[in-house]
N, C-alpha and C. Protein backbone atom coordinates (compact mmCIF):
# COMPACT_ATOMS: atom_id res chain seq x y z
N UNK A 1 0.81 -1.14 -0.06
CA UNK A 1 -0.03 0.06 -0.02
C UNK A 1 0.97 1.19 0.07
N UNK A 2 2.08 1.05 0.66
CA UNK A 2 2.88 2.20 0.90
C UNK A 2 3.53 2.60 -0.45
N UNK A 3 3.56 1.70 -1.39
CA UNK A 3 4.43 1.56 -2.50
C UNK A 3 3.49 2.40 -3.46
N UNK A 4 2.00 2.13 -3.51
CA UNK A 4 1.23 2.78 -4.55
C UNK A 4 1.25 4.30 -3.95
N UNK A 5 1.27 4.63 -3.03
CA UNK A 5 1.03 5.90 -2.52
C UNK A 5 2.44 6.55 -2.79
N UNK A 6 3.61 6.09 -2.83
CA UNK A 6 4.87 6.53 -3.13
C UNK A 6 4.81 6.79 -4.67
N UNK A 7 4.33 5.95 -5.34
CA UNK A 7 3.98 5.86 -6.96
C UNK A 7 3.58 7.08 -7.38
N UNK A 8 1.93 7.40 -6.61
CA UNK A 8 1.24 8.17 -6.95
C UNK A 8 1.78 9.68 -6.72
N UNK A 9 2.63 9.99 -5.69
CA UNK A 9 3.32 10.99 -5.28
C UNK A 9 4.54 11.29 -6.27
N UNK A 10 5.30 10.32 -6.45
CA UNK A 10 6.03 10.42 -7.47
C UNK A 10 5.61 10.92 -8.92
N UNK A 11 4.66 10.28 -9.31
CA UNK A 11 4.29 10.57 -10.54
C UNK A 11 3.58 12.14 -10.63
N UNK A 12 2.79 12.55 -9.55
CA UNK A 12 2.32 13.92 -9.39
C UNK A 12 3.60 14.84 -9.40
N UNK A 13 4.86 14.52 -8.76
CA UNK A 13 5.65 15.59 -8.76
C UNK A 13 6.54 15.68 -9.99
N UNK A 14 6.52 14.49 -10.93
CA UNK A 14 7.13 14.49 -12.03
C UNK A 14 6.35 15.31 -12.92
N UNK A 15 4.89 15.04 -13.05
CA UNK A 15 4.31 15.87 -13.95
C UNK A 15 4.37 17.08 -13.79
N UNK A 16 4.06 17.73 -12.68
CA UNK A 16 4.11 19.15 -12.08
C UNK A 16 5.49 19.64 -12.74
N UNK A 17 6.58 18.84 -12.45
CA UNK A 17 7.76 19.66 -13.35
C UNK A 17 8.02 19.70 -14.73
N UNK A 18 7.23 18.39 -15.33
CA UNK A 18 7.18 18.47 -16.62
C UNK A 18 6.04 19.50 -17.31
N UNK A 19 5.64 19.99 -16.78
CA UNK A 19 4.62 21.08 -17.10
C UNK A 19 5.54 22.42 -17.55
N UNK A 20 6.28 22.60 -16.39
CA UNK A 20 7.13 23.89 -16.78
C UNK A 20 8.26 23.59 -17.96
N UNK A 21 8.98 22.64 -18.12
CA UNK A 21 9.81 22.22 -19.24
C UNK A 21 9.10 22.10 -20.62
N UNK A 22 7.73 21.86 -20.61
CA UNK A 22 7.09 21.85 -21.93
C UNK A 22 6.80 23.22 -22.35
N UNK A 23 6.21 24.27 -21.44
CA UNK A 23 6.04 25.32 -21.55
C UNK A 23 7.11 25.93 -22.38
N UNK A 24 8.47 25.90 -21.73
CA UNK A 24 9.52 26.33 -22.45
C UNK A 24 9.73 26.10 -23.74
N UNK A 25 9.66 24.78 -24.09
CA UNK A 25 9.86 24.15 -25.42
C UNK A 25 8.85 24.95 -26.35
N UNK A 26 7.57 25.14 -25.91
CA UNK A 26 6.40 25.52 -26.56
C UNK A 26 6.98 26.85 -27.21
N UNK A 27 7.24 27.70 -26.43
CA UNK A 27 7.74 28.98 -26.72
C UNK A 27 9.04 28.88 -27.79
N UNK A 28 9.98 28.14 -27.68
CA UNK A 28 11.02 28.35 -28.69
C UNK A 28 10.49 27.67 -29.79
N UNK A 29 9.92 26.85 -29.69
CA UNK A 29 9.43 25.65 -31.05
C UNK A 29 8.85 26.37 -32.23
N UNK A 30 9.38 25.86 -33.57
CA UNK A 30 8.87 26.33 -34.52
C UNK A 30 7.51 25.70 -35.13
N UNK A 31 6.76 26.61 -35.71
CA UNK A 31 5.53 25.60 -36.18
C UNK A 31 5.77 24.35 -36.86
N UNK A 32 5.01 23.42 -36.62
CA UNK A 32 5.19 21.99 -37.31
C UNK A 32 3.87 22.07 -38.41
N UNK A 33 4.39 21.53 -39.88
CA UNK A 33 3.28 21.46 -40.81
C UNK A 33 2.56 20.41 -40.15
N UNK A 34 0.96 20.53 -40.38
CA UNK A 34 0.42 19.44 -40.17
C UNK A 34 -0.49 18.75 -41.12
N UNK A 35 -0.98 17.74 -40.75
CA UNK A 35 -1.89 17.01 -41.65
C UNK A 35 -3.26 16.44 -40.96
N UNK A 36 -4.44 16.87 -41.36
CA UNK A 36 -5.63 16.48 -40.56
C UNK A 36 -6.30 15.47 -41.44
N UNK A 37 -6.52 14.69 -40.53
CA UNK A 37 -7.18 13.40 -41.43
C UNK A 37 -8.63 12.95 -40.60
N UNK A 38 -9.36 12.14 -40.96
CA UNK A 38 -10.55 11.96 -40.34
C UNK A 38 -10.32 11.33 -38.95
N UNK A 39 -10.80 11.75 -37.97
CA UNK A 39 -10.69 11.12 -36.47
C UNK A 39 -11.42 10.01 -36.38
N UNK A 40 -12.19 9.67 -37.43
CA UNK A 40 -12.85 8.16 -37.16
C UNK A 40 -12.03 7.18 -37.37
N UNK A 41 -11.09 7.25 -38.09
CA UNK A 41 -10.02 6.22 -38.32
C UNK A 41 -8.81 6.12 -37.62
N UNK A 42 -8.64 7.22 -36.51
CA UNK A 42 -7.60 7.35 -35.64
C UNK A 42 -7.56 6.71 -34.33
N UNK A 43 -6.68 5.89 -33.86
CA UNK A 43 -6.94 5.51 -32.71
C UNK A 43 -5.70 5.64 -31.59
N UNK A 44 -6.05 5.86 -30.20
CA UNK A 44 -5.18 6.19 -29.39
C UNK A 44 -4.21 4.88 -29.10
N UNK A 45 -3.06 5.25 -28.76
CA UNK A 45 -1.87 4.39 -28.29
C UNK A 45 -0.99 4.04 -29.42
N UNK A 46 -0.53 2.66 -29.60
CA UNK A 46 0.46 2.17 -30.74
C UNK A 46 -0.31 1.96 -31.71
N UNK A 47 0.06 2.56 -32.95
CA UNK A 47 -0.25 2.24 -34.49
C UNK A 47 0.70 1.11 -34.63
N UNK A 48 2.08 1.31 -34.51
CA UNK A 48 3.21 0.58 -34.82
C UNK A 48 3.98 0.76 -33.87
N UNK A 49 5.24 -0.14 -33.73
CA UNK A 49 6.54 0.09 -32.83
C UNK A 49 6.90 1.45 -32.88
N UNK A 50 6.76 2.21 -34.06
CA UNK A 50 7.27 3.46 -34.07
C UNK A 50 6.40 4.72 -33.93
N UNK A 51 5.20 4.48 -33.71
CA UNK A 51 4.20 5.44 -33.91
C UNK A 51 3.21 5.63 -32.87
N UNK A 52 3.19 6.65 -31.92
CA UNK A 52 2.22 6.80 -30.49
C UNK A 52 1.36 7.87 -30.83
N UNK A 53 -0.11 7.70 -30.33
CA UNK A 53 -1.14 8.63 -30.48
C UNK A 53 -1.47 8.91 -29.18
N UNK A 54 -2.05 10.27 -29.03
CA UNK A 54 -2.82 10.50 -28.09
C UNK A 54 -3.85 11.49 -28.20
N UNK A 55 -5.04 11.46 -27.39
CA UNK A 55 -6.18 12.40 -27.84
C UNK A 55 -6.27 13.17 -26.44
N UNK A 56 -6.32 14.36 -26.58
CA UNK A 56 -6.76 15.60 -25.71
C UNK A 56 -7.67 16.54 -26.24
N UNK A 57 -8.35 17.25 -25.16
CA UNK A 57 -9.26 18.26 -25.62
C UNK A 57 -8.84 19.54 -24.68
N UNK A 58 -8.79 20.75 -25.49
CA UNK A 58 -8.17 21.96 -24.74
C UNK A 58 -9.09 23.15 -25.29
N UNK A 59 -8.78 24.31 -24.85
CA UNK A 59 -9.20 25.76 -25.19
C UNK A 59 -9.07 25.91 -26.74
N UNK A 60 -7.69 25.87 -27.24
CA UNK A 60 -7.31 26.25 -28.40
C UNK A 60 -6.20 25.32 -29.02
N UNK A 61 -5.74 25.36 -30.14
CA UNK A 61 -4.86 24.40 -30.66
C UNK A 61 -3.75 24.33 -30.02
N UNK A 62 -2.68 25.63 -29.68
CA UNK A 62 -1.73 25.46 -29.11
C UNK A 62 -1.69 24.88 -27.66
N UNK A 63 -2.72 25.04 -27.00
CA UNK A 63 -2.92 24.73 -25.67
C UNK A 63 -3.02 22.94 -25.62
N UNK A 64 -3.69 22.60 -26.85
CA UNK A 64 -3.90 21.22 -26.93
C UNK A 64 -2.60 20.53 -27.41
N UNK A 65 -1.94 21.16 -28.12
CA UNK A 65 -0.48 20.60 -28.55
C UNK A 65 0.37 20.37 -27.32
N UNK A 66 0.42 21.08 -26.46
CA UNK A 66 1.15 21.35 -24.90
C UNK A 66 0.60 20.20 -24.09
N UNK A 67 -0.65 20.31 -24.14
CA UNK A 67 -1.39 19.18 -23.34
C UNK A 67 -0.98 17.67 -23.92
N UNK A 68 -0.93 17.50 -25.17
CA UNK A 68 -0.58 16.36 -25.64
C UNK A 68 0.82 15.89 -25.40
N UNK A 69 1.56 16.70 -25.53
CA UNK A 69 3.08 16.69 -25.12
C UNK A 69 3.39 16.23 -23.79
N UNK A 70 2.71 16.81 -23.03
CA UNK A 70 2.53 16.58 -21.72
C UNK A 70 1.98 15.22 -21.31
N UNK A 71 0.85 14.79 -21.80
CA UNK A 71 0.24 13.32 -21.77
C UNK A 71 1.40 12.30 -22.10
N UNK A 72 1.88 12.62 -23.34
CA UNK A 72 2.89 11.72 -23.89
C UNK A 72 3.93 11.41 -22.68
N UNK A 73 4.41 12.50 -22.14
CA UNK A 73 5.71 12.24 -21.04
C UNK A 73 4.99 11.50 -20.05
N UNK A 74 3.81 11.86 -19.48
CA UNK A 74 3.25 11.15 -18.40
C UNK A 74 3.20 9.82 -18.83
N UNK A 75 2.76 9.43 -19.93
CA UNK A 75 2.71 8.09 -20.27
C UNK A 75 4.01 7.41 -20.27
N UNK A 76 5.13 8.07 -20.53
CA UNK A 76 6.51 7.36 -20.72
C UNK A 76 6.83 6.95 -19.19
N UNK A 77 6.52 8.03 -18.42
CA UNK A 77 6.85 7.82 -17.18
C UNK A 77 6.15 6.58 -16.32
N UNK A 78 4.65 6.73 -16.64
CA UNK A 78 3.99 5.44 -16.24
C UNK A 78 4.53 4.11 -16.77
N UNK A 79 4.89 3.89 -17.92
CA UNK A 79 5.33 2.72 -18.45
C UNK A 79 6.68 2.36 -17.78
N UNK A 80 7.58 3.32 -17.83
CA UNK A 80 8.97 3.04 -17.08
C UNK A 80 8.65 2.71 -15.56
N UNK A 81 7.80 3.13 -14.95
CA UNK A 81 7.47 2.86 -13.37
C UNK A 81 7.00 1.49 -13.39
N UNK A 82 6.25 1.23 -14.12
CA UNK A 82 5.38 -0.15 -14.25
C UNK A 82 6.58 -1.23 -14.61
N UNK A 83 7.51 -0.76 -15.32
CA UNK A 83 8.53 -1.72 -15.75
C UNK A 83 9.84 -1.65 -14.75
N UNK A 84 9.51 -0.73 -13.55
CA UNK A 84 10.87 -0.78 -12.57
C UNK A 84 12.03 -0.19 -13.56
N UNK A 85 11.83 0.75 -14.25
CA UNK A 85 13.30 1.06 -15.00
C UNK A 85 13.88 1.96 -14.08
N UNK A 86 15.21 2.16 -14.24
CA UNK A 86 15.78 3.23 -13.55
C UNK A 86 15.97 4.48 -14.12
N UNK A 87 15.33 4.53 -15.46
CA UNK A 87 15.55 5.74 -16.30
C UNK A 87 14.28 6.59 -16.08
N UNK A 88 13.72 7.13 -15.10
CA UNK A 88 12.58 7.88 -14.61
C UNK A 88 12.84 9.43 -14.47
N UNK A 89 14.12 10.01 -14.83
CA UNK A 89 14.28 11.22 -14.20
C UNK A 89 13.80 12.05 -15.70
N UNK A 90 12.91 13.07 -15.21
CA UNK A 90 12.04 13.45 -16.01
C UNK A 90 12.78 14.51 -16.99
N UNK A 91 13.78 15.27 -16.57
CA UNK A 91 14.76 16.15 -17.57
C UNK A 91 15.63 15.10 -18.47
N UNK A 92 15.74 13.96 -18.18
CA UNK A 92 16.64 13.07 -19.15
C UNK A 92 15.53 12.55 -20.17
N UNK A 93 14.35 12.45 -19.60
CA UNK A 93 13.25 11.77 -20.54
C UNK A 93 12.81 12.93 -21.47
N UNK A 94 12.57 14.22 -21.05
CA UNK A 94 12.51 15.42 -21.92
C UNK A 94 13.63 15.32 -23.07
N UNK A 95 14.69 15.29 -22.61
CA UNK A 95 15.87 15.51 -23.60
C UNK A 95 16.07 14.16 -24.55
N UNK A 96 15.64 12.86 -23.86
CA UNK A 96 15.61 11.68 -24.88
C UNK A 96 14.56 11.66 -25.72
N UNK A 97 13.41 12.50 -25.75
CA UNK A 97 12.30 12.23 -26.62
C UNK A 97 12.20 13.98 -27.04
N UNK A 98 12.98 14.51 -27.42
CA UNK A 98 13.31 15.77 -27.77
C UNK A 98 12.93 15.79 -29.35
N UNK A 99 13.72 14.91 -29.72
CA UNK A 99 13.52 14.78 -31.51
C UNK A 99 11.90 14.36 -31.97
N UNK A 100 11.25 13.10 -31.30
CA UNK A 100 10.04 13.00 -31.81
C UNK A 100 8.89 14.03 -31.07
N UNK A 101 9.16 14.59 -30.18
CA UNK A 101 8.23 15.48 -29.57
C UNK A 101 8.30 16.93 -30.57
N UNK A 102 9.60 17.28 -31.24
CA UNK A 102 9.60 18.25 -32.09
C UNK A 102 9.08 17.99 -33.45
N UNK A 103 9.19 16.68 -33.81
CA UNK A 103 8.60 16.45 -35.05
C UNK A 103 7.00 15.85 -34.76
N UNK A 104 6.57 16.07 -33.56
CA UNK A 104 5.11 15.64 -33.54
C UNK A 104 4.01 16.35 -34.31
N UNK A 105 3.05 16.02 -34.58
CA UNK A 105 1.78 16.49 -35.39
C UNK A 105 0.55 16.11 -34.94
N UNK A 106 -0.20 17.17 -35.46
CA UNK A 106 -1.75 16.88 -34.99
C UNK A 106 -2.13 16.37 -36.32
N UNK A 107 -2.89 14.97 -36.43
CA UNK A 107 -3.32 14.12 -37.13
C UNK A 107 -4.97 14.29 -37.52
N UNK A 108 -5.42 14.84 -36.26
CA UNK A 108 -6.86 15.17 -36.57
C UNK A 108 -7.29 16.24 -35.89
N UNK A 109 -8.13 17.26 -36.03
CA UNK A 109 -8.51 18.08 -35.24
C UNK A 109 -9.80 18.44 -35.45
N UNK A 110 -10.69 18.43 -33.97
CA UNK A 110 -12.27 18.54 -34.24
C UNK A 110 -12.86 19.63 -33.25
N UNK A 111 -13.69 20.49 -33.52
CA UNK A 111 -14.31 21.58 -32.56
C UNK A 111 -15.18 20.62 -31.92
N UNK A 112 -15.25 20.84 -30.63
CA UNK A 112 -16.19 20.11 -29.66
C UNK A 112 -16.64 21.32 -28.75
N UNK A 113 -17.52 20.74 -27.94
CA UNK A 113 -18.28 21.73 -26.69
C UNK A 113 -17.39 22.39 -26.07
N UNK A 114 -16.26 21.65 -25.74
CA UNK A 114 -15.25 22.27 -24.67
C UNK A 114 -14.26 23.02 -25.19
N UNK A 115 -14.00 22.98 -26.44
CA UNK A 115 -13.00 23.80 -27.26
C UNK A 115 -12.80 22.96 -28.41
N UNK A 116 -11.26 22.33 -28.43
CA UNK A 116 -10.87 21.56 -29.60
C UNK A 116 -10.42 20.41 -29.19
N UNK A 117 -10.40 19.14 -30.00
CA UNK A 117 -10.23 17.95 -29.57
C UNK A 117 -9.36 17.48 -30.70
N UNK A 118 -7.80 17.13 -30.25
CA UNK A 118 -6.80 16.84 -31.34
C UNK A 118 -6.30 15.44 -31.03
N UNK A 119 -6.13 14.87 -31.96
CA UNK A 119 -5.19 13.49 -32.02
C UNK A 119 -3.61 14.21 -32.32
N UNK A 120 -2.85 13.77 -31.53
CA UNK A 120 -1.41 14.10 -31.62
C UNK A 120 -0.54 12.71 -31.70
N UNK A 121 0.32 12.78 -32.80
CA UNK A 121 1.06 11.50 -32.99
C UNK A 121 2.54 11.89 -33.05
N UNK A 122 3.45 11.06 -32.44
CA UNK A 122 5.06 11.19 -32.38
C UNK A 122 5.36 9.98 -33.09
N UNK A 123 6.38 9.90 -33.84
CA UNK A 123 7.31 8.85 -34.57
C UNK A 123 8.72 9.07 -34.43
N UNK A 124 9.25 7.76 -34.28
CA UNK A 124 10.48 7.60 -34.12
C UNK A 124 11.03 6.04 -34.29
N UNK A 125 12.21 5.76 -34.87
CA UNK A 125 12.61 4.51 -34.90
C UNK A 125 12.76 3.87 -33.64
N UNK A 126 12.17 2.64 -33.38
CA UNK A 126 12.47 2.05 -32.07
C UNK A 126 11.71 2.89 -30.66
N UNK A 127 10.74 3.62 -30.92
CA UNK A 127 9.97 4.45 -29.97
C UNK A 127 9.45 3.58 -28.84
N UNK A 128 8.91 2.54 -29.33
CA UNK A 128 8.16 1.56 -28.29
C UNK A 128 9.49 1.07 -27.19
N UNK A 129 10.32 0.59 -27.98
CA UNK A 129 11.38 0.37 -26.94
C UNK A 129 12.23 1.30 -26.14
N UNK A 130 11.99 2.65 -26.50
CA UNK A 130 12.19 3.64 -25.74
C UNK A 130 11.63 4.19 -24.67
N UNK A 131 10.12 3.82 -24.85
CA UNK A 131 9.05 3.95 -23.85
C UNK A 131 9.51 2.92 -22.74
N UNK A 132 9.77 1.81 -23.00
CA UNK A 132 9.99 0.71 -22.24
C UNK A 132 11.35 0.37 -21.55
N UNK A 133 12.20 1.41 -21.96
CA UNK A 133 13.53 1.21 -21.49
C UNK A 133 13.66 1.07 -20.07
N UNK A 134 14.54 -0.02 -19.79
CA UNK A 134 14.79 -0.50 -18.35
C UNK A 134 16.12 0.10 -17.95
């Protein structure tokens, strides 16, 4: 029980740190050319071992992209903690996934009642193995 409590506190502390890092990256980042496809054909999670997709809802497109990047970092930390990886340092994870995050793209964009819903996708060779790094 103490282990679960520790994991929850650890994840919360990591995610609060990662928000600050992602905001800095968003300001410096150049615009990415995006391809929008029909959201009915898009699925969340792994399309293949090199492609990972998340879905988020936010007020506007820039906030949605930032939220999607943050969600991906959260997913990486979660996977690594479940695998008992020793590579869970958020700053190292940010630098390790810098290239796929910079090349990430919105593959679907839809207006919803709460704002905008996007599917955000990152790709890199061996991405799944990087997620599961022990």
